[in-house]
Amino acid sequence: MKKTRVVVLGGGPGGYAAAFMAADLGLETRLVDDGPNPGGVCLFRGCIPSKSLLHAARVLNEAREAEMFGIHFASPTIDLDKLRGWKNSVVSSLTGGLGQLAKQRKVDFVQGRGKLTGPHSLQVGAESIEFEHLILATGSRPIIPGPLAIESERVLDSTGALELKDIPRKLLVVGGGYIGLELGTVYQSLGSEVTVVEMLPTLLPNADRDLVRVLARRVEAIMKVLLKTRVASLKDTGKAVEVELEDEQGKRTESFDRVLISVGRRPNSENLGLETTRVQVNARGFVEIDTTGRTAEPSIYAIGDVAGDPMLAHKASHQGRVAAQAIAGQKVAFEPLAIPAVVFTDPELAWAGLTEAEAREQGLGVKIARYPWAASGRALTLGRPEGLTKLVLSDDEEERILGVGIVGAGAGELLAEGVLAMEMGAVAEDLALSIHAHPTLSETMMESAEVLSGTSTHVYKPARAARG
């Protein structure tokens, strides 16, 4: 039996960040994962391969959009093998680099599936590991509802869609959340006729409505969107997938070459041996933790997707570092004011802190400032004036920044300023008085704050009109 101070079970962005931090703090650490290198779902089958393909999609779209200012390109030829190989090379480079970093830190990487046999022991294949503390970082997996779980190569989850085996003529995306819209964007850009089906009356139901409206106009211009519609059944005919759709008008059947199911994810909290410990799992399958990540079993911590929403890689990474610091005896807590979220569609949609709806549901008095990118010189030079920057602020003299939402080209890169502003307790005037380079999209943050006071240079809107 091997003995170690810390075992991290799961090698995704939360797991390897936790293991590396523990090692940096001088704790003997083992990292257990079934992949050949650290990286987990995010690097091998999620965040990184999808963003690689989304970049390729953006290049294709930019070539098409260039026609509006007089530049014409011949129709592209898409070499799927080379595109797939490029995507895989990005994944290999990053995961291989993480393997080297593990070695440099003297983190013992153990490949295999681990299962707890008690509060201080783990079985990995034929090997037993005894530990003082364990950090559970087992992540999540796609949900496939029972009626849609048919045996068919034509029915894909997000992992299968990222393999990019072919470009279907007609693709159905089941679910109007961020995964479905991102992968739908990829396939539409590559040439598929994409239909998106969503049971709810809106795309991205958790995002701010002002931002979603901008994205929805773009999505509906390039894809067929069916809201308040559900998929009742699927049938593989051998040549296509027959899909029974149901909406307010009744049922009908349509045929698609491929179906991508992206209706959400569930935590990987089963079959881990948690019953041999005092770890508590709630009704949704999430492991219950405190602000340091510690579970009801003092020797075991949990982080990332398995420990609750939001299921985001960067949240997991920060939680992992906090858990490792807590094990090392440091006084820490995971208590962020703002966790950023980005949908990498075209345009991108990003937000952090409270949305307007969330603030009002909490009974907070708020002021709302909106800056349309049609007034941004930089957005116009990019041919992307459809964007919007929105601030949610406290309804008092202080005007603290409670939330930031952005939709537009590069919104994900712009959001960090808003996150920092909230974490530092900034107010609207702080943004308004900070000089932003011109012409840049980041100016929209400054000018949205100026809209609130009625002094925006490029938008005439008296202060009283800026109140929510």
Protein backbone atom coordinates (compact mmCIF):
# COMPACT_ATOMS: atom_id res chain seq x y z
CA MET A 1 0.00 0.00 0.00
CA LYS A 2 1.29 3.42 -1.00
CA LYS A 3 0.94 6.23 1.51
CA THR A 4 0.73 9.92 0.69
CA ARG A 5 -0.36 13.22 2.21
CA VAL A 6 -2.78 14.24 -0.52
CA VAL A 7 -4.59 12.34 -3.26
CA VAL A 8 -6.53 14.21 -5.93
CA LEU A 9 -9.13 12.04 -7.67
CA GLY A 10 -9.77 13.54 -11.12
CA GLY A 11 -7.31 15.34 -13.38
CA GLY A 12 -9.41 18.12 -14.91
CA PRO A 13 -8.81 21.86 -14.47
CA GLY A 14 -9.90 21.63 -10.83
CA GLY A 15 -7.99 18.45 -10.09
CA TYR A 16 -4.64 19.32 -11.61
CA ALA A 17 -4.80 22.87 -10.19
CA ALA A 18 -5.39 21.36 -6.74
CA ALA A 19 -2.58 18.83 -7.14
CA PHE A 20 -0.11 21.43 -8.39
CA MET A 21 -0.98 23.83 -5.55
CA ALA A 22 -0.63 21.06 -2.96
CA ALA A 23 2.78 20.15 -4.38
CA ASP A 24 3.83 23.82 -4.45
CA LEU A 25 2.94 24.00 -0.75
CA GLY A 26 5.26 21.10 0.01
CA LEU A 27 2.66 18.33 0.35
CA GLU A 28 3.41 14.90 -1.11
CA THR A 29 0.73 14.54 -3.76
CA ARG A 30 -0.71 11.88 -6.05
CA LEU A 31 -3.04 12.72 -8.93
CA VAL A 32 -5.34 9.93 -10.13
CA ASP A 33 -7.10 10.10 -13.51
CA ASP A 34 -7.99 7.65 -16.26
CA GLY A 35 -6.46 9.82 -19.00
CA PRO A 36 -2.86 9.52 -20.27
CA ASN A 37 -2.10 12.99 -18.88
CA PRO A 38 -3.82 15.56 -16.68
CA GLY A 39 -6.48 17.62 -18.44
CA GLY A 40 -9.78 15.87 -17.84
CA VAL A 41 -12.93 16.41 -19.89
CA CYS A 42 -12.20 20.11 -20.40
CA LEU A 43 -8.91 19.67 -22.21
CA PHE A 44 -9.51 16.30 -23.85
CA ARG A 45 -13.21 16.43 -24.75
CA GLY A 46 -14.63 19.84 -23.90
CA CYS A 47 -13.40 23.41 -23.51
CA ILE A 48 -10.21 23.21 -25.57
CA PRO A 49 -11.26 21.11 -28.61
CA SER A 50 -14.54 23.03 -28.88
CA LYS A 51 -12.78 26.40 -28.83
CA SER A 52 -10.31 25.17 -31.44
CA LEU A 53 -13.21 24.33 -33.76
CA LEU A 54 -15.01 27.56 -32.91
CA HIS A 55 -11.92 29.48 -34.01
CA ALA A 56 -12.00 27.66 -37.34
CA ALA A 57 -15.69 28.53 -37.63
CA ARG A 58 -14.95 32.18 -36.91
CA VAL A 59 -12.30 32.29 -39.65
CA LEU A 60 -14.83 30.91 -42.13
CA ASN A 61 -17.45 33.46 -41.06
CA GLU A 62 -15.02 36.37 -41.24
CA ALA A 63 -14.12 35.40 -44.80
CA ARG A 64 -17.81 35.47 -45.72
CA GLU A 65 -18.44 38.76 -43.88
CA ALA A 66 -15.56 40.43 -45.71
CA GLU A 67 -17.83 40.72 -48.74
CA MET A 68 -19.70 43.59 -47.06
CA PHE A 69 -16.62 45.81 -47.43
CA GLY A 70 -15.56 44.63 -50.85
CA ILE A 71 -13.22 41.70 -50.24
CA HIS A 72 -14.26 38.46 -51.93
CA PHE A 73 -12.76 35.02 -51.28
CA ALA A 74 -13.38 31.86 -53.24
CA SER A 75 -15.57 29.25 -51.53
CA PRO A 76 -13.43 27.43 -48.96
CA THR A 77 -12.34 23.83 -49.25
CA ILE A 78 -12.55 22.11 -45.88
CA ASP A 79 -10.07 19.31 -45.21
CA LEU A 80 -11.80 17.56 -42.30
CA ASP A 81 -8.83 15.27 -41.56
CA LYS A 82 -6.48 18.23 -41.29
CA LEU A 83 -8.95 20.27 -39.22
CA ARG A 84 -9.46 17.34 -36.88
CA GLY A 85 -5.70 16.80 -36.69
CA TRP A 86 -5.09 20.46 -35.84
CA LYS A 87 -7.70 20.30 -33.07
CA ASN A 88 -6.09 17.14 -31.70
CA SER A 89 -2.62 18.70 -31.83
CA VAL A 90 -3.80 21.58 -29.64
CA VAL A 91 -5.18 19.08 -27.13
CA SER A 92 -1.99 16.99 -27.20
CA SER A 93 0.21 20.03 -26.71
CA LEU A 94 -1.69 21.26 -23.68
CA THR A 95 -2.18 17.90 -21.98
CA GLY A 96 1.40 16.87 -22.69
CA GLY A 97 2.57 20.13 -21.15
CA LEU A 98 0.53 19.38 -18.04
CA GLY A 99 2.19 15.98 -17.81
CA GLN A 100 5.58 17.69 -17.80
CA LEU A 101 4.45 20.19 -15.18
CA ALA A 102 3.32 17.31 -12.96
CA LYS A 103 6.76 15.74 -13.24
CA GLN A 104 8.52 19.03 -12.53
CA ARG A 105 6.45 19.45 -9.38
CA LYS A 106 7.04 15.81 -8.40
CA VAL A 107 3.32 15.07 -8.49
CA ASP A 108 2.92 11.29 -8.84
CA PHE A 109 0.45 10.82 -11.71
CA VAL A 110 -1.45 7.53 -11.45
CA GLN A 111 -3.47 6.52 -14.50
CA GLY A 112 -6.64 4.62 -13.67
CA ARG A 113 -10.06 4.87 -12.06
CA GLY A 114 -10.09 5.30 -8.31
CA LYS A 115 -12.68 4.14 -5.79
CA LEU A 116 -12.73 4.96 -2.10
CA THR A 117 -12.56 2.04 0.33
CA GLY A 118 -12.77 4.25 3.40
CA PRO A 119 -12.13 7.81 4.62
CA HIS A 120 -8.36 7.36 4.24
CA SER A 121 -7.94 4.76 1.48
CA LEU A 122 -8.39 4.52 -2.29
CA GLN A 123 -8.22 1.59 -4.69
CA VAL A 124 -6.86 2.20 -8.20
CA GLY A 125 -6.88 -1.06 -10.13
CA ALA A 126 -4.75 -3.48 -8.13
CA GLU A 127 -3.05 -0.66 -6.23
CA SER A 128 -4.13 0.62 -2.81
CA ILE A 129 -3.32 4.16 -1.74
CA GLU A 130 -3.55 5.41 1.82
CA PHE A 131 -3.91 9.18 2.28
CA GLU A 132 -4.32 11.85 4.90
CA HIS A 133 -6.57 13.97 2.69
CA LEU A 134 -8.32 13.43 -0.62
CA ILE A 135 -9.70 16.05 -3.01
CA LEU A 136 -12.61 14.75 -5.06
CA ALA A 137 -12.55 16.33 -8.54
CA THR A 138 -14.46 13.83 -10.66
CA GLY A 139 -16.36 16.38 -12.74
CA SER A 140 -19.57 15.73 -14.68
CA ARG A 141 -20.92 14.01 -17.78
CA PRO A 142 -23.57 14.76 -20.43
CA ILE A 143 -27.20 13.97 -19.65
CA ILE A 144 -29.06 11.81 -22.17
CA PRO A 145 -32.78 11.62 -21.28
CA GLY A 146 -34.20 8.09 -21.35
CA PRO A 147 -36.44 8.48 -24.43
CA LEU A 148 -33.47 9.82 -26.41
CA ALA A 149 -30.94 7.21 -25.28
CA ILE A 150 -31.03 5.05 -28.39
CA GLU A 151 -28.16 2.99 -29.76
CA SER A 152 -27.16 4.89 -32.89
CA GLU A 153 -23.98 6.38 -34.30
CA ARG A 154 -26.16 9.14 -35.71
CA VAL A 155 -27.09 10.36 -32.20
CA LEU A 156 -24.25 12.28 -30.54
CA ASP A 157 -23.41 13.88 -27.24
CA SER A 158 -20.92 16.75 -27.02
CA THR A 159 -17.97 14.33 -26.96
CA GLY A 160 -19.09 12.61 -30.15
CA ALA A 161 -19.79 15.92 -31.87
CA LEU A 162 -16.23 17.09 -31.18
CA GLU A 163 -14.79 14.06 -32.99
CA LEU A 164 -15.94 15.74 -36.22
CA LYS A 165 -16.38 12.49 -38.14
CA ASP A 166 -18.29 14.24 -40.93
CA ILE A 167 -20.32 17.33 -41.77
CA PRO A 168 -23.98 16.25 -41.79
CA ARG A 169 -26.26 17.93 -44.30
CA LYS A 170 -28.98 18.33 -41.64
CA LEU A 171 -28.14 18.48 -37.93
CA LEU A 172 -30.63 18.69 -35.06
CA VAL A 173 -29.34 20.19 -31.81
CA VAL A 174 -31.49 19.24 -28.82
CA GLY A 175 -31.03 21.95 -26.18
CA GLY A 176 -30.60 25.70 -26.51
CA GLY A 177 -27.91 26.04 -23.85
CA TYR A 178 -24.31 27.06 -24.34
CA ILE A 179 -22.97 23.65 -25.43
CA GLY A 180 -25.64 23.17 -28.07
CA LEU A 181 -25.28 26.69 -29.44
CA GLU A 182 -21.48 26.52 -29.55
CA LEU A 183 -21.39 23.20 -31.39
CA GLY A 184 -24.28 24.25 -33.59
CA THR A 185 -22.21 27.30 -34.55
CA VAL A 186 -19.30 25.05 -35.55
CA TYR A 187 -21.35 22.75 -37.75
CA GLN A 188 -23.35 25.57 -39.35
CA SER A 189 -20.11 27.34 -40.29
CA LEU A 190 -18.76 24.13 -41.79
CA GLY A 191 -21.86 23.77 -43.96
CA SER A 192 -24.56 21.93 -42.01
CA GLU A 193 -28.19 23.04 -42.01
CA VAL A 194 -28.75 23.32 -38.24
CA THR A 195 -32.02 23.21 -36.31
CA VAL A 196 -32.05 23.97 -32.57
CA VAL A 197 -34.88 22.64 -30.39
CA GLU A 198 -35.44 24.10 -26.90
CA MET A 199 -38.28 23.19 -24.50
CA LEU A 200 -38.24 26.61 -22.81
CA PRO A 201 -39.48 29.85 -24.43
CA THR A 202 -35.96 31.27 -24.78
CA LEU A 203 -32.38 30.31 -25.58
CA LEU A 204 -29.85 30.41 -22.71
CA PRO A 205 -32.52 30.69 -19.99
CA ASN A 206 -30.04 31.62 -17.25
CA ALA A 207 -28.51 34.55 -19.13
CA ASP A 208 -29.68 38.18 -19.21
CA ARG A 209 -32.58 38.71 -21.61
CA ASP A 210 -31.11 41.91 -23.12
CA LEU A 211 -27.98 40.00 -24.07
CA VAL A 212 -29.80 36.89 -25.29
CA ARG A 213 -31.97 38.96 -27.64
CA VAL A 214 -28.85 40.16 -29.47
CA LEU A 215 -27.45 36.65 -29.79
CA ALA A 216 -30.84 35.16 -30.72
CA ARG A 217 -31.18 37.52 -33.70
CA ARG A 218 -27.87 36.26 -35.05
CA VAL A 219 -28.60 32.60 -34.31
CA GLU A 220 -32.05 32.76 -35.89
CA ALA A 221 -30.54 34.29 -39.03
CA ILE A 222 -28.28 31.29 -39.62
CA MET A 223 -30.10 28.41 -37.90
CA LYS A 224 -33.70 27.27 -37.50
CA VAL A 225 -34.73 27.74 -33.85
CA LEU A 226 -37.76 25.94 -32.41
CA LEU A 227 -38.67 27.20 -28.92
CA LYS A 228 -41.25 25.64 -26.59
CA THR A 229 -40.67 22.41 -28.47
CA ARG A 230 -39.60 19.02 -27.17
CA VAL A 231 -38.24 15.88 -28.78
CA ALA A 232 -40.70 13.09 -28.02
CA SER A 233 -38.74 10.25 -29.64
CA LEU A 234 -35.88 9.30 -31.94
CA LYS A 235 -35.66 6.45 -34.43
CA ASP A 236 -32.64 5.48 -36.54
CA THR A 237 -33.94 4.28 -39.91
CA GLY A 238 -30.50 3.25 -41.17
CA LYS A 239 -30.32 6.26 -43.45
CA ALA A 240 -31.33 9.06 -41.08
CA VAL A 241 -32.85 9.78 -37.67
CA GLU A 242 -36.61 10.23 -37.60
CA VAL A 243 -37.41 12.78 -34.89
CA GLU A 244 -40.84 13.24 -33.38
CA LEU A 245 -41.23 16.89 -32.34
CA GLU A 246 -43.99 18.19 -30.11
CA ASP A 247 -45.04 21.83 -29.63
CA GLU A 248 -48.24 23.78 -28.96
CA GLN A 249 -49.59 22.83 -32.40
CA GLY A 250 -49.12 19.10 -31.79
CA LYS A 251 -46.70 16.42 -32.99
CA ARG A 252 -44.85 16.09 -36.27
CA THR A 253 -41.92 14.08 -37.61
CA GLU A 254 -38.79 15.39 -39.30
CA SER A 255 -35.68 13.65 -40.60
CA PHE A 256 -32.05 14.56 -39.77
CA ASP A 257 -28.67 13.11 -40.69
CA ARG A 258 -27.34 13.59 -37.14
CA VAL A 259 -28.80 14.55 -33.76
CA LEU A 260 -26.71 16.25 -31.07
CA ILE A 261 -28.16 15.97 -27.56
CA SER A 262 -26.97 18.76 -25.27
CA VAL A 263 -29.54 19.19 -22.52
CA GLY A 264 -27.16 19.52 -19.58
CA ARG A 265 -24.68 17.65 -17.43
CA ARG A 266 -24.83 15.65 -14.20
CA PRO A 267 -22.15 15.32 -11.50
CA ASN A 268 -19.99 12.19 -11.37
CA SER A 269 -20.72 11.29 -7.75
CA GLU A 270 -21.79 7.65 -8.24
CA ASN A 271 -19.62 4.52 -7.98
CA LEU A 272 -16.88 6.33 -6.10
CA GLY A 273 -17.19 4.42 -2.81
CA LEU A 274 -18.62 7.45 -1.02
CA GLU A 275 -20.84 5.09 0.98
CA THR A 276 -17.68 4.01 2.86
CA THR A 277 -17.33 7.56 4.16
CA ARG A 278 -19.50 10.25 5.79
CA VAL A 279 -19.59 12.34 2.59
CA GLN A 280 -23.09 13.68 1.93
CA VAL A 281 -24.62 13.89 -1.58
CA ASN A 282 -27.74 16.00 -2.18
CA ALA A 283 -30.79 15.19 -4.29
CA ARG A 284 -29.17 16.60 -7.44
CA GLY A 285 -26.09 14.40 -7.03
CA PHE A 286 -23.77 17.18 -5.82
CA VAL A 287 -21.36 16.53 -2.96
CA GLU A 288 -22.06 18.90 -0.08
CA ILE A 289 -19.11 21.05 1.00
CA ASP A 290 -18.21 24.10 3.10
CA THR A 291 -16.41 27.23 1.89
CA THR A 292 -13.03 25.45 1.90
CA GLY A 293 -14.36 22.44 -0.05
CA ARG A 294 -14.40 20.14 2.98
CA THR A 295 -17.15 17.51 3.06
CA ALA A 296 -18.87 15.93 6.06
CA GLU A 297 -15.88 13.55 6.13
CA PRO A 298 -13.03 15.72 7.52
CA SER A 299 -10.36 13.99 5.43
CA ILE A 300 -12.18 14.49 2.12
CA TYR A 301 -12.71 17.66 0.08
CA ALA A 302 -14.69 18.11 -3.13
CA ILE A 303 -14.36 20.73 -5.89
CA GLY A 304 -15.65 21.63 -9.33
CA ASP A 305 -18.65 20.13 -11.14
CA VAL A 306 -19.15 17.34 -8.59
CA ALA A 307 -19.51 19.95 -5.83
CA GLY A 308 -22.24 22.14 -7.37
CA ASP A 309 -23.10 24.83 -9.86
CA PRO A 310 -21.86 26.63 -11.81
CA MET A 311 -20.18 23.83 -13.73
CA LEU A 312 -17.27 25.90 -15.05
CA ALA A 313 -13.61 24.98 -15.40
CA HIS A 314 -12.30 28.22 -13.93
CA LYS A 315 -14.51 27.86 -10.86
CA ALA A 316 -13.10 24.36 -10.34
CA SER A 317 -9.51 25.61 -10.65
CA HIS A 318 -9.98 28.26 -7.97
CA GLN A 319 -11.83 25.83 -5.68
CA GLY A 320 -9.01 23.34 -6.13
CA ARG A 321 -6.38 25.84 -5.06
CA VAL A 322 -8.44 26.80 -2.01
CA ALA A 323 -8.88 23.15 -0.97
CA ALA A 324 -5.13 22.51 -1.24
CA GLN A 325 -4.38 25.63 0.81
CA ALA A 326 -6.91 24.56 3.46
CA ILE A 327 -5.26 21.12 3.71
CA ALA A 328 -1.91 22.88 4.14
CA GLY A 329 -3.36 24.73 7.13
CA GLN A 330 -3.90 28.12 5.54
CA LYS A 331 -6.92 30.23 6.47
CA VAL A 332 -8.82 30.41 3.18
CA ALA A 333 -12.34 30.29 1.78
CA PHE A 334 -13.90 30.13 -1.66
CA GLU A 335 -16.19 33.17 -1.55
CA PRO A 336 -16.04 34.95 -4.93
CA LEU A 337 -18.26 37.94 -5.58
CA ALA A 338 -18.37 37.16 -9.28
CA ILE A 339 -17.78 33.99 -11.30
CA PRO A 340 -17.57 34.80 -15.02
CA ALA A 341 -19.50 32.79 -17.60
CA VAL A 342 -18.86 32.92 -21.35
CA VAL A 343 -20.80 31.45 -24.26
CA PHE A 344 -18.36 31.22 -27.17
CA THR A 345 -20.93 31.65 -29.92
CA ASP A 346 -20.76 34.36 -32.57
CA PRO A 347 -21.28 36.89 -31.11
CA GLU A 348 -19.94 35.83 -27.72
CA LEU A 349 -22.12 36.33 -24.67
CA ALA A 350 -20.53 36.86 -21.25
CA TRP A 351 -21.66 37.84 -17.80
CA ALA A 352 -20.58 37.91 -14.15
CA GLY A 353 -22.25 38.89 -10.90
CA LEU A 354 -26.00 39.41 -10.79
CA THR A 355 -28.15 39.63 -13.87
CA GLU A 356 -30.91 42.22 -13.84
CA ALA A 357 -33.54 39.52 -13.28
CA GLU A 358 -31.59 37.96 -10.39
CA ALA A 359 -31.15 41.32 -8.69
CA ARG A 360 -34.87 42.10 -8.93
CA GLU A 361 -35.80 38.61 -7.71
CA GLN A 362 -33.68 39.28 -4.63
CA GLY A 363 -35.64 42.46 -4.03
CA LEU A 364 -32.67 44.72 -4.70
CA GLY A 365 -33.15 48.24 -5.99
CA VAL A 366 -31.01 48.54 -9.11
CA LYS A 367 -29.99 50.98 -11.78
CA ILE A 368 -29.33 49.70 -15.28
CA ALA A 369 -26.88 51.18 -17.78
CA ARG A 370 -26.79 49.92 -21.38
CA TYR A 371 -24.29 50.95 -24.04
CA PRO A 372 -25.11 49.86 -27.62
CA TRP A 373 -22.11 48.92 -29.72
CA ALA A 374 -23.66 50.75 -32.66
CA ALA A 375 -22.14 53.81 -30.93
CA SER A 376 -18.68 52.19 -30.72
CA GLY A 377 -16.20 53.25 -33.37
CA ARG A 378 -14.21 50.05 -32.90
CA ALA A 379 -17.28 47.83 -33.28
CA LEU A 380 -18.13 49.62 -36.52
CA THR A 381 -14.62 49.15 -37.91
CA LEU A 382 -14.97 45.42 -37.19
CA GLY A 383 -18.33 45.29 -38.93
CA ARG A 384 -19.88 44.06 -35.65
CA PRO A 385 -22.15 46.83 -34.32
CA GLU A 386 -24.79 44.47 -32.92
CA GLY A 387 -23.20 44.20 -29.45
CA LEU A 388 -24.29 45.55 -26.08
CA THR A 389 -22.55 46.25 -22.76
CA LYS A 390 -24.77 46.31 -19.69
CA LEU A 391 -24.13 47.24 -16.06
CA VAL A 392 -26.33 46.32 -13.10
CA LEU A 393 -25.69 48.78 -10.26
CA SER A 394 -27.01 49.40 -6.77
CA ASP A 395 -29.83 51.95 -6.61
CA ASP A 396 -28.13 54.34 -4.22
CA GLU A 397 -25.64 57.18 -4.32
CA GLU A 398 -22.73 54.76 -4.26
CA GLU A 399 -23.84 52.91 -7.44
CA ARG A 400 -21.81 49.77 -6.73
CA ILE A 401 -21.33 47.38 -9.65
CA LEU A 402 -23.45 44.29 -8.96
CA GLY A 403 -23.27 42.68 -12.37
CA VAL A 404 -21.78 43.04 -15.83
CA GLY A 405 -23.12 41.55 -19.06
CA ILE A 406 -21.64 41.82 -22.55
CA VAL A 407 -22.71 40.43 -25.91
CA GLY A 408 -20.54 41.02 -28.95
CA ALA A 409 -17.28 40.10 -30.63
CA GLY A 410 -14.68 39.17 -27.99
CA ALA A 411 -17.10 39.63 -25.08
CA GLY A 412 -15.33 36.92 -23.09
CA GLU A 413 -12.05 38.84 -23.17
CA LEU A 414 -13.75 42.09 -22.11
CA LEU A 415 -15.51 40.59 -19.10
CA ALA A 416 -12.41 40.35 -16.89
CA GLU A 417 -12.48 44.10 -16.22
CA GLY A 418 -16.00 43.74 -14.83
CA VAL A 419 -15.02 40.80 -12.61
CA LEU A 420 -12.08 42.75 -11.18
CA ALA A 421 -14.31 45.79 -10.64
CA MET A 422 -16.79 43.75 -8.60
CA GLU A 423 -14.12 41.96 -6.57
CA MET A 424 -12.50 45.31 -5.74
CA GLY A 425 -15.83 46.90 -4.77
CA ALA A 426 -15.71 49.42 -7.61
CA VAL A 427 -18.54 51.84 -8.33
CA ALA A 428 -19.81 53.17 -11.65
CA GLU A 429 -17.71 56.32 -11.32
CA ASP A 430 -14.52 54.22 -11.06
CA LEU A 431 -15.22 52.79 -14.52
CA ALA A 432 -16.24 56.16 -15.94
CA LEU A 433 -13.07 57.89 -14.72
CA SER A 434 -10.66 55.14 -15.85
CA ILE A 435 -9.20 56.17 -19.21
CA HIS A 436 -9.72 53.45 -21.80
CA ALA A 437 -7.73 53.27 -25.05
CA HIS A 438 -9.47 54.50 -28.20
CA PRO A 439 -10.67 52.97 -30.41
CA THR A 440 -11.27 49.74 -28.48
CA LEU A 441 -14.23 47.63 -27.49
CA SER A 442 -13.16 48.03 -23.85
CA GLU A 443 -14.35 51.64 -24.10
CA THR A 444 -17.89 50.29 -23.96
CA MET A 445 -17.32 49.51 -20.27
CA MET A 446 -16.35 53.13 -19.58
CA GLU A 447 -19.13 54.60 -21.67
CA SER A 448 -21.79 52.34 -20.18
CA ALA A 449 -20.89 53.83 -16.79
CA GLU A 450 -21.08 57.31 -18.33
CA VAL A 451 -24.56 56.52 -19.69
CA LEU A 452 -25.71 56.24 -16.09
CA SER A 453 -24.77 59.83 -15.32
CA GLY A 454 -26.02 61.11 -18.69
CA THR A 455 -22.51 62.14 -19.77
CA SER A 456 -21.63 59.48 -22.36
CA THR A 457 -19.87 61.20 -25.26
CA HIS A 458 -21.35 58.94 -27.92
CA VAL A 459 -24.85 58.30 -26.53
CA TYR A 460 -27.30 61.06 -25.65
CA LYS A 461 -29.31 59.70 -22.75
CA PRO A 462 -30.12 61.90 -19.75
CA ALA A 463 -29.33 60.37 -16.36
CA ARG A 464 -32.97 59.90 -15.39
CA ALA A 465 -33.50 57.65 -18.42
CA ALA A 466 -30.67 55.36 -17.35
CA ARG A 467 -32.48 54.12 -14.23
CA GLY A 468 -33.77 50.55 -14.34
